[in-house]
Amino acid sequence: MTGTSPSKPLLKDRFFTTSLTSTIVVFALCLAKHILVIVGVSGAIAAADSIEHGLVFAVLALTALTVYAYFRHRKRATDTD
């Protein structure tokens, strides 16, 4: 395949940066629960205990999306060369 446009850098790929940012935010939310326990706000944590399972699933799904975005970007970059 011949492409006329030069490949853009990975961090300029909007799909990759969006999925990476989402993964980082959800990962931080998973850690926030444990950080709050260390600080001592265990009452609020006990109320939000069921949320963590959904966040762990979201981290896994968004990590998979980020990996897909990386490989899609890499494939497009090699196709245009």
PDB file of N, CA and C in Angstrom:
ATOM      1  N   MET A   1       0.839  -1.186   0.000  1.00  0.00           N
ATOM      2  CA  MET A   1       0.000   0.000   0.000  1.00  0.00           C
ATOM      3  C   MET A   1       0.880   1.245   0.000  1.00  0.00           C
ATOM      4  N   THR A   2       0.477   2.190  -0.784  1.00  0.00           N
ATOM      5  CA  THR A   2       1.239   3.429  -0.819  1.00  0.00           C
ATOM      6  C   THR A   2       0.430   4.526  -0.169  1.00  0.00           C
ATOM      7  N   GLY A   3       1.072   5.264   0.672  1.00  0.00           N
ATOM      8  CA  GLY A   3       0.407   6.369   1.346  1.00  0.00           C
ATOM      9  C   GLY A   3       1.148   7.656   1.062  1.00  0.00           C
ATOM     10  N   THR A   4       0.428   8.727   0.956  1.00  0.00           N
ATOM     11  CA  THR A   4       1.076   9.992   0.665  1.00  0.00           C
ATOM     12  C   THR A   4       1.313  10.813   1.926  1.00  0.00           C
ATOM     13  N   SER A   5       0.609  10.486   3.016  1.00  0.00           N
ATOM     14  CA  SER A   5       0.789  11.267   4.231  1.00  0.00           C
ATOM     15  C   SER A   5       1.811  10.586   5.139  1.00  0.00           C
ATOM     16  N   PRO A   6       2.689  11.368   5.739  1.00  0.00           N
ATOM     17  CA  PRO A   6       3.660  10.770   6.662  1.00  0.00           C
ATOM     18  C   PRO A   6       2.954  10.297   7.932  1.00  0.00           C
ATOM     19  N   SER A   7       3.514   9.257   8.553  1.00  0.00           N
ATOM     20  CA  SER A   7       2.895   8.741   9.772  1.00  0.00           C
ATOM     21  C   SER A   7       3.117   9.726  10.920  1.00  0.00           C
ATOM     22  N   LYS A   8       2.092   9.867  11.744  1.00  0.00           N
ATOM     23  CA  LYS A   8       2.211  10.789  12.863  1.00  0.00           C
ATOM     24  C   LYS A   8       2.715  10.035  14.087  1.00  0.00           C
ATOM     25  N   PRO A   9       3.331  10.738  15.038  1.00  0.00           N
ATOM     26  CA  PRO A   9       3.856  10.089  16.237  1.00  0.00           C
ATOM     27  C   PRO A   9       2.734   9.442  17.048  1.00  0.00           C
ATOM     28  N   LEU A  10       3.107   8.450  17.829  1.00  0.00           N
ATOM     29  CA  LEU A  10       2.133   7.683  18.599  1.00  0.00           C
ATOM     30  C   LEU A  10       1.325   8.586  19.534  1.00  0.00           C
ATOM     31  N   LEU A  11       1.971   9.509  20.221  1.00  0.00           N
ATOM     32  CA  LEU A  11       1.251  10.358  21.166  1.00  0.00           C
ATOM     33  C   LEU A  11       0.388  11.412  20.488  1.00  0.00           C
ATOM     34  N   LYS A  12       0.504  11.565  19.188  1.00  0.00           N
ATOM     35  CA  LYS A  12      -0.382  12.473  18.454  1.00  0.00           C
ATOM     36  C   LYS A  12      -1.618  11.743  17.935  1.00  0.00           C
ATOM     37  N   ASP A  13      -1.629  10.425  18.043  1.00  0.00           N
ATOM     38  CA  ASP A  13      -2.786   9.624  17.636  1.00  0.00           C
ATOM     39  C   ASP A  13      -3.881   9.801  18.682  1.00  0.00           C
ATOM     40  N   ARG A  14      -4.979  10.380  18.279  1.00  0.00           N
ATOM     41  CA  ARG A  14      -6.049  10.736  19.226  1.00  0.00           C
ATOM     42  C   ARG A  14      -6.679   9.502  19.886  1.00  0.00           C
ATOM     43  N   PHE A  15      -6.873   8.434  19.141  1.00  0.00           N
ATOM     44  CA  PHE A  15      -7.451   7.208  19.691  1.00  0.00           C
ATOM     45  C   PHE A  15      -6.553   6.623  20.781  1.00  0.00           C
ATOM     46  N   PHE A  16      -5.239   6.600  20.527  1.00  0.00           N
ATOM     47  CA  PHE A  16      -4.300   6.062  21.502  1.00  0.00           C
ATOM     48  C   PHE A  16      -4.258   6.930  22.760  1.00  0.00           C
ATOM     49  N   THR A  17      -4.163   8.238  22.596  1.00  0.00           N
ATOM     50  CA  THR A  17      -4.067   9.103  23.778  1.00  0.00           C
ATOM     51  C   THR A  17      -5.347   9.078  24.608  1.00  0.00           C
ATOM     52  N   THR A  18      -6.495   8.977  23.962  1.00  0.00           N
ATOM     53  CA  THR A  18      -7.757   8.892  24.700  1.00  0.00           C
ATOM     54  C   THR A  18      -7.845   7.603  25.492  1.00  0.00           C
ATOM     55  N   SER A  19      -7.489   6.488  24.869  1.00  0.00           N
ATOM     56  CA  SER A  19      -7.558   5.218  25.585  1.00  0.00           C
ATOM     57  C   SER A  19      -6.506   5.141  26.687  1.00  0.00           C
ATOM     58  N   LEU A  20      -5.333   5.679  26.463  1.00  0.00           N
ATOM     59  CA  LEU A  20      -4.297   5.686  27.484  1.00  0.00           C
ATOM     60  C   LEU A  20      -4.704   6.561  28.670  1.00  0.00           C
ATOM     61  N   THR A  21      -5.263   7.728  28.392  1.00  0.00           N
ATOM     62  CA  THR A  21      -5.719   8.619  29.458  1.00  0.00           C
ATOM     63  C   THR A  21      -6.835   7.968  30.269  1.00  0.00           C
ATOM     64  N   SER A  22      -7.764   7.329  29.600  1.00  0.00           N
ATOM     65  CA  SER A  22      -8.850   6.644  30.298  1.00  0.00           C
ATOM     66  C   SER A  22      -8.320   5.526  31.184  1.00  0.00           C
ATOM     67  N   THR A  23      -7.358   4.782  30.691  1.00  0.00           N
ATOM     68  CA  THR A  23      -6.772   3.703  31.476  1.00  0.00           C
ATOM     69  C   THR A  23      -6.092   4.242  32.722  1.00  0.00           C
ATOM     70  N   ILE A  24      -5.360   5.326  32.583  1.00  0.00           N
ATOM     71  CA  ILE A  24      -4.662   5.919  33.727  1.00  0.00           C
ATOM     72  C   ILE A  24      -5.647   6.448  34.755  1.00  0.00           C
ATOM     73  N   VAL A  25      -6.718   7.087  34.306  1.00  0.00           N
ATOM     74  CA  VAL A  25      -7.714   7.633  35.238  1.00  0.00           C
ATOM     75  C   VAL A  25      -8.398   6.520  36.020  1.00  0.00           C
ATOM     76  N   VAL A  26      -8.807   5.471  35.337  1.00  0.00           N
ATOM     77  CA  VAL A  26      -9.495   4.375  36.028  1.00  0.00           C
ATOM     78  C   VAL A  26      -8.529   3.634  36.949  1.00  0.00           C
ATOM     79  N   PHE A  27      -7.289   3.481  36.541  1.00  0.00           N
ATOM     80  CA  PHE A  27      -6.289   2.864  37.412  1.00  0.00           C
ATOM     81  C   PHE A  27      -6.086   3.704  38.672  1.00  0.00           C
ATOM     82  N   ALA A  28      -6.062   5.021  38.519  1.00  0.00           N
ATOM     83  CA  ALA A  28      -5.937   5.901  39.683  1.00  0.00           C
ATOM     84  C   ALA A  28      -7.150   5.787  40.598  1.00  0.00           C
ATOM     85  N   LEU A  29      -8.327   5.606  40.012  1.00  0.00           N
ATOM     86  CA  LEU A  29      -9.523   5.418  40.831  1.00  0.00           C
ATOM     87  C   LEU A  29      -9.443   4.124  41.634  1.00  0.00           C
ATOM     88  N   CYS A  30      -8.881   3.084  41.042  1.00  0.00           N
ATOM     89  CA  CYS A  30      -8.696   1.826  41.783  1.00  0.00           C
ATOM     90  C   CYS A  30      -7.738   2.029  42.956  1.00  0.00           C
ATOM     91  N   LEU A  31      -6.678   2.780  42.729  1.00  0.00           N
ATOM     92  CA  LEU A  31      -5.710   3.026  43.798  1.00  0.00           C
ATOM     93  C   LEU A  31      -6.243   3.993  44.840  1.00  0.00           C
ATOM     94  N   ALA A  32      -7.169   4.863  44.444  1.00  0.00           N
ATOM     95  CA  ALA A  32      -7.692   5.864  45.374  1.00  0.00           C
ATOM     96  C   ALA A  32      -8.343   5.212  46.580  1.00  0.00           C
ATOM     97  N   LYS A  33      -8.997   4.106  46.370  1.00  0.00           N
ATOM     98  CA  LYS A  33      -9.638   3.406  47.483  1.00  0.00           C
ATOM     99  C   LYS A  33      -8.605   2.988  48.517  1.00  0.00           C
ATOM    100  N   HIS A  34      -7.517   2.462  48.068  1.00  0.00           N
ATOM    101  CA  HIS A  34      -6.482   1.989  48.980  1.00  0.00           C
ATOM    102  C   HIS A  34      -5.720   3.156  49.614  1.00  0.00           C
ATOM    103  N   ILE A  35      -5.559   4.211  48.881  1.00  0.00           N
ATOM    104  CA  ILE A  35      -4.905   5.396  49.436  1.00  0.00           C
ATOM    105  C   ILE A  35      -5.768   5.998  50.541  1.00  0.00           C
ATOM    106  N   LEU A  36      -7.084   6.023  50.338  1.00  0.00           N
ATOM    107  CA  LEU A  36      -7.970   6.547  51.376  1.00  0.00           C
ATOM    108  C   LEU A  36      -7.942   5.690  52.633  1.00  0.00           C
ATOM    109  N   VAL A  37      -7.784   4.394  52.492  1.00  0.00           N
ATOM    110  CA  VAL A  37      -7.677   3.524  53.658  1.00  0.00           C
ATOM    111  C   VAL A  37      -6.419   3.854  54.442  1.00  0.00           C
ATOM    112  N   ILE A  38      -5.340   4.101  53.725  1.00  0.00           N
ATOM    113  CA  ILE A  38      -4.090   4.456  54.395  1.00  0.00           C
ATOM    114  C   ILE A  38      -4.250   5.776  55.142  1.00  0.00           C
ATOM    115  N   VAL A  39      -4.934   6.725  54.529  1.00  0.00           N
ATOM    116  CA  VAL A  39      -5.150   8.027  55.161  1.00  0.00           C
ATOM    117  C   VAL A  39      -6.090   7.891  56.360  1.00  0.00           C
ATOM    118  N   GLY A  40      -7.018   6.946  56.307  1.00  0.00           N
ATOM    119  CA  GLY A  40      -7.892   6.701  57.436  1.00  0.00           C
ATOM    120  C   GLY A  40      -9.354   7.002  57.216  1.00  0.00           C
ATOM    121  N   VAL A  41      -9.788   7.087  56.020  1.00  0.00           N
ATOM    122  CA  VAL A  41     -11.189   7.365  55.723  1.00  0.00           C
ATOM    123  C   VAL A  41     -11.871   6.032  55.407  1.00  0.00           C
ATOM    124  N   SER A  42     -11.829   5.122  56.338  1.00  0.00           N
ATOM    125  CA  SER A  42     -12.323   3.776  56.068  1.00  0.00           C
ATOM    126  C   SER A  42     -13.845   3.701  56.037  1.00  0.00           C
ATOM    127  N   GLY A  43     -14.554   4.622  56.652  1.00  0.00           N
ATOM    128  CA  GLY A  43     -16.017   4.611  56.603  1.00  0.00           C
ATOM    129  C   GLY A  43     -16.532   4.842  55.198  1.00  0.00           C
ATOM    130  N   ALA A  44     -15.941   5.781  54.489  1.00  0.00           N
ATOM    131  CA  ALA A  44     -16.343   6.059  53.108  1.00  0.00           C
ATOM    132  C   ALA A  44     -15.950   4.904  52.198  1.00  0.00           C
ATOM    133  N   ILE A  45     -14.870   4.255  52.524  1.00  0.00           N
ATOM    134  CA  ILE A  45     -14.412   3.135  51.721  1.00  0.00           C
ATOM    135  C   ILE A  45     -15.359   1.941  51.869  1.00  0.00           C
ATOM    136  N   ALA A  46     -15.832   1.709  53.077  1.00  0.00           N
ATOM    137  CA  ALA A  46     -16.741   0.585  53.303  1.00  0.00           C
ATOM    138  C   ALA A  46     -18.021   0.762  52.489  1.00  0.00           C
ATOM    139  N   ALA A  47     -18.471   1.985  52.313  1.00  0.00           N
ATOM    140  CA  ALA A  47     -19.676   2.245  51.528  1.00  0.00           C
ATOM    141  C   ALA A  47     -19.426   2.030  50.037  1.00  0.00           C
ATOM    142  N   ALA A  48     -18.209   2.224  49.585  1.00  0.00           N
ATOM    143  CA  ALA A  48     -17.891   2.111  48.158  1.00  0.00           C
ATOM    144  C   ALA A  48     -17.199   0.794  47.825  1.00  0.00           C
ATOM    145  N   ASP A  49     -17.359  -0.211  48.658  1.00  0.00           N
ATOM    146  CA  ASP A  49     -16.630  -1.459  48.465  1.00  0.00           C
ATOM    147  C   ASP A  49     -17.019  -2.179  47.175  1.00  0.00           C
ATOM    148  N   SER A  50     -18.257  -2.103  46.789  1.00  0.00           N
ATOM    149  CA  SER A  50     -18.684  -2.836  45.593  1.00  0.00           C
ATOM    150  C   SER A  50     -18.249  -2.153  44.302  1.00  0.00           C
ATOM    151  N   ILE A  51     -17.806  -0.938  44.364  1.00  0.00           N
ATOM    152  CA  ILE A  51     -17.402  -0.209  43.157  1.00  0.00           C
ATOM    153  C   ILE A  51     -16.078  -0.740  42.609  1.00  0.00           C
ATOM    154  N   GLU A  52     -15.222  -1.254  43.484  1.00  0.00           N
ATOM    155  CA  GLU A  52     -13.888  -1.648  43.044  1.00  0.00           C
ATOM    156  C   GLU A  52     -13.916  -2.744  41.983  1.00  0.00           C
ATOM    157  N   HIS A  53     -14.834  -3.675  42.087  1.00  0.00           N
ATOM    158  CA  HIS A  53     -14.883  -4.758  41.099  1.00  0.00           C
ATOM    159  C   HIS A  53     -15.165  -4.208  39.700  1.00  0.00           C
ATOM    160  N   GLY A  54     -16.027  -3.243  39.599  1.00  0.00           N
ATOM    161  CA  GLY A  54     -16.292  -2.609  38.311  1.00  0.00           C
ATOM    162  C   GLY A  54     -15.093  -1.837  37.797  1.00  0.00           C
ATOM    163  N   LEU A  55     -14.356  -1.199  38.718  1.00  0.00           N
ATOM    164  CA  LEU A  55     -13.173  -0.444  38.300  1.00  0.00           C
ATOM    165  C   LEU A  55     -12.064  -1.368  37.813  1.00  0.00           C
ATOM    166  N   VAL A  56     -11.907  -2.506  38.456  1.00  0.00           N
ATOM    167  CA  VAL A  56     -10.890  -3.461  38.008  1.00  0.00           C
ATOM    168  C   VAL A  56     -11.226  -3.956  36.603  1.00  0.00           C
ATOM    169  N   PHE A  57     -12.495  -4.251  36.358  1.00  0.00           N
ATOM    170  CA  PHE A  57     -12.917  -4.649  35.012  1.00  0.00           C
ATOM    171  C   PHE A  57     -12.662  -3.519  34.015  1.00  0.00           C
ATOM    172  N   ALA A  58     -12.939  -2.284  34.418  1.00  0.00           N
ATOM    173  CA  ALA A  58     -12.709  -1.142  33.531  1.00  0.00           C
ATOM    174  C   ALA A  58     -11.224  -0.975  33.223  1.00  0.00           C
ATOM    175  N   VAL A  59     -10.366  -1.176  34.208  1.00  0.00           N
ATOM    176  CA  VAL A  59      -8.926  -1.083  33.961  1.00  0.00           C
ATOM    177  C   VAL A  59      -8.487  -2.136  32.953  1.00  0.00           C
ATOM    178  N   LEU A  60      -8.971  -3.360  33.111  1.00  0.00           N
ATOM    179  CA  LEU A  60      -8.597  -4.422  32.177  1.00  0.00           C
ATOM    180  C   LEU A  60      -9.103  -4.127  30.769  1.00  0.00           C
ATOM    181  N   ALA A  61     -10.345  -3.679  30.673  1.00  0.00           N
ATOM    182  CA  ALA A  61     -10.919  -3.385  29.354  1.00  0.00           C
ATOM    183  C   ALA A  61     -10.204  -2.209  28.693  1.00  0.00           C
ATOM    184  N   LEU A  62      -9.922  -1.166  29.456  1.00  0.00           N
ATOM    185  CA  LEU A  62      -9.253  -0.001  28.872  1.00  0.00           C
ATOM    186  C   LEU A  62      -7.787  -0.291  28.546  1.00  0.00           C
ATOM    187  N   THR A  63      -7.152  -1.164  29.315  1.00  0.00           N
ATOM    188  CA  THR A  63      -5.788  -1.566  28.982  1.00  0.00           C
ATOM    189  C   THR A  63      -5.784  -2.322  27.662  1.00  0.00           C
ATOM    190  N   ALA A  64      -6.749  -3.198  27.477  1.00  0.00           N
ATOM    191  CA  ALA A  64      -6.861  -3.914  26.206  1.00  0.00           C
ATOM    192  C   ALA A  64      -7.118  -2.938  25.058  1.00  0.00           C
ATOM    193  N   LEU A  65      -7.936  -1.938  25.291  1.00  0.00           N
ATOM    194  CA  LEU A  65      -8.209  -0.928  24.265  1.00  0.00           C
ATOM    195  C   LEU A  65      -6.952  -0.133  23.929  1.00  0.00           C
ATOM    196  N   THR A  66      -6.144   0.190  24.929  1.00  0.00           N
ATOM    197  CA  THR A  66      -4.900   0.926  24.702  1.00  0.00           C
ATOM    198  C   THR A  66      -3.909   0.083  23.901  1.00  0.00           C
ATOM    199  N   VAL A  67      -3.814  -1.194  24.230  1.00  0.00           N
ATOM    200  CA  VAL A  67      -2.930  -2.091  23.479  1.00  0.00           C
ATOM    201  C   VAL A  67      -3.404  -2.199  22.027  1.00  0.00           C
ATOM    202  N   TYR A  68      -4.709  -2.303  21.833  1.00  0.00           N
ATOM    203  CA  TYR A  68      -5.265  -2.337  20.471  1.00  0.00           C
ATOM    204  C   TYR A  68      -4.932  -1.043  19.721  1.00  0.00           C
ATOM    205  N   ALA A  69      -5.066   0.096  20.395  1.00  0.00           N
ATOM    206  CA  ALA A  69      -4.772   1.377  19.757  1.00  0.00           C
ATOM    207  C   ALA A  69      -3.300   1.466  19.368  1.00  0.00           C
ATOM    208  N   TYR A  70      -2.432   0.939  20.219  1.00  0.00           N
ATOM    209  CA  TYR A  70      -1.001   0.954  19.916  1.00  0.00           C
ATOM    210  C   TYR A  70      -0.706   0.126  18.667  1.00  0.00           C
ATOM    211  N   PHE A  71      -1.243  -1.096  18.617  1.00  0.00           N
ATOM    212  CA  PHE A  71      -0.967  -1.951  17.466  1.00  0.00           C
ATOM    213  C   PHE A  71      -1.631  -1.421  16.199  1.00  0.00           C
ATOM    214  N   ARG A  72      -2.797  -0.798  16.323  1.00  0.00           N
ATOM    215  CA  ARG A  72      -3.442  -0.206  15.153  1.00  0.00           C
ATOM    216  C   ARG A  72      -2.602   0.943  14.610  1.00  0.00           C
ATOM    217  N   HIS A  73      -2.070   1.758  15.544  1.00  0.00           N
ATOM    218  CA  HIS A  73      -1.221   2.877  15.123  1.00  0.00           C
ATOM    219  C   HIS A  73       0.057   2.357  14.455  1.00  0.00           C
ATOM    220  N   ARG A  74       0.644   1.325  15.035  1.00  0.00           N
ATOM    221  CA  ARG A  74       1.875   0.764  14.476  1.00  0.00           C
ATOM    222  C   ARG A  74       1.627   0.182  13.088  1.00  0.00           C
ATOM    223  N   LYS A  75       0.490  -0.476  12.918  1.00  0.00           N
ATOM    224  CA  LYS A  75       0.159  -1.063  11.607  1.00  0.00           C
ATOM    225  C   LYS A  75      -0.040   0.044  10.574  1.00  0.00           C
ATOM    226  N   ARG A  76      -0.754   1.109  10.963  1.00  0.00           N
ATOM    227  CA  ARG A  76      -0.953   2.214  10.019  1.00  0.00           C
ATOM    228  C   ARG A  76       0.344   2.894   9.673  1.00  0.00           C
ATOM    229  N   ALA A  77       1.253   3.002  10.651  1.00  0.00           N
ATOM    230  CA  ALA A  77       2.536   3.652  10.401  1.00  0.00           C
ATOM    231  C   ALA A  77       3.382   2.834   9.420  1.00  0.00           C
ATOM    232  N   THR A  78       3.335   1.501   9.537  1.00  0.00           N
ATOM    233  CA  THR A  78       4.109   0.674   8.603  1.00  0.00           C
ATOM    234  C   THR A  78       3.435   0.573   7.243  1.00  0.00           C
ATOM    235  N   ASP A  79       2.111   0.720   7.196  1.00  0.00           N
ATOM    236  CA  ASP A  79       1.416   0.679   5.914  1.00  0.00           C
ATOM    237  C   ASP A  79       1.717   1.907   5.058  1.00  0.00           C
ATOM    238  N   THR A  80       1.944   3.047   5.691  1.00  0.00           N
ATOM    239  CA  THR A  80       2.182   4.281   4.936  1.00  0.00           C
ATOM    240  C   THR A  80       3.644   4.424   4.517  1.00  0.00           C
ATOM    241  N   ASP A  81       4.535   3.626   5.108  1.00  0.00           N
ATOM    242  CA  ASP A  81       5.952   3.721   4.728  1.00  0.00           C
ATOM    243  C   ASP A  81       6.239   3.077   3.407  1.00  0.00           C
TER     244      ASP A  81
END
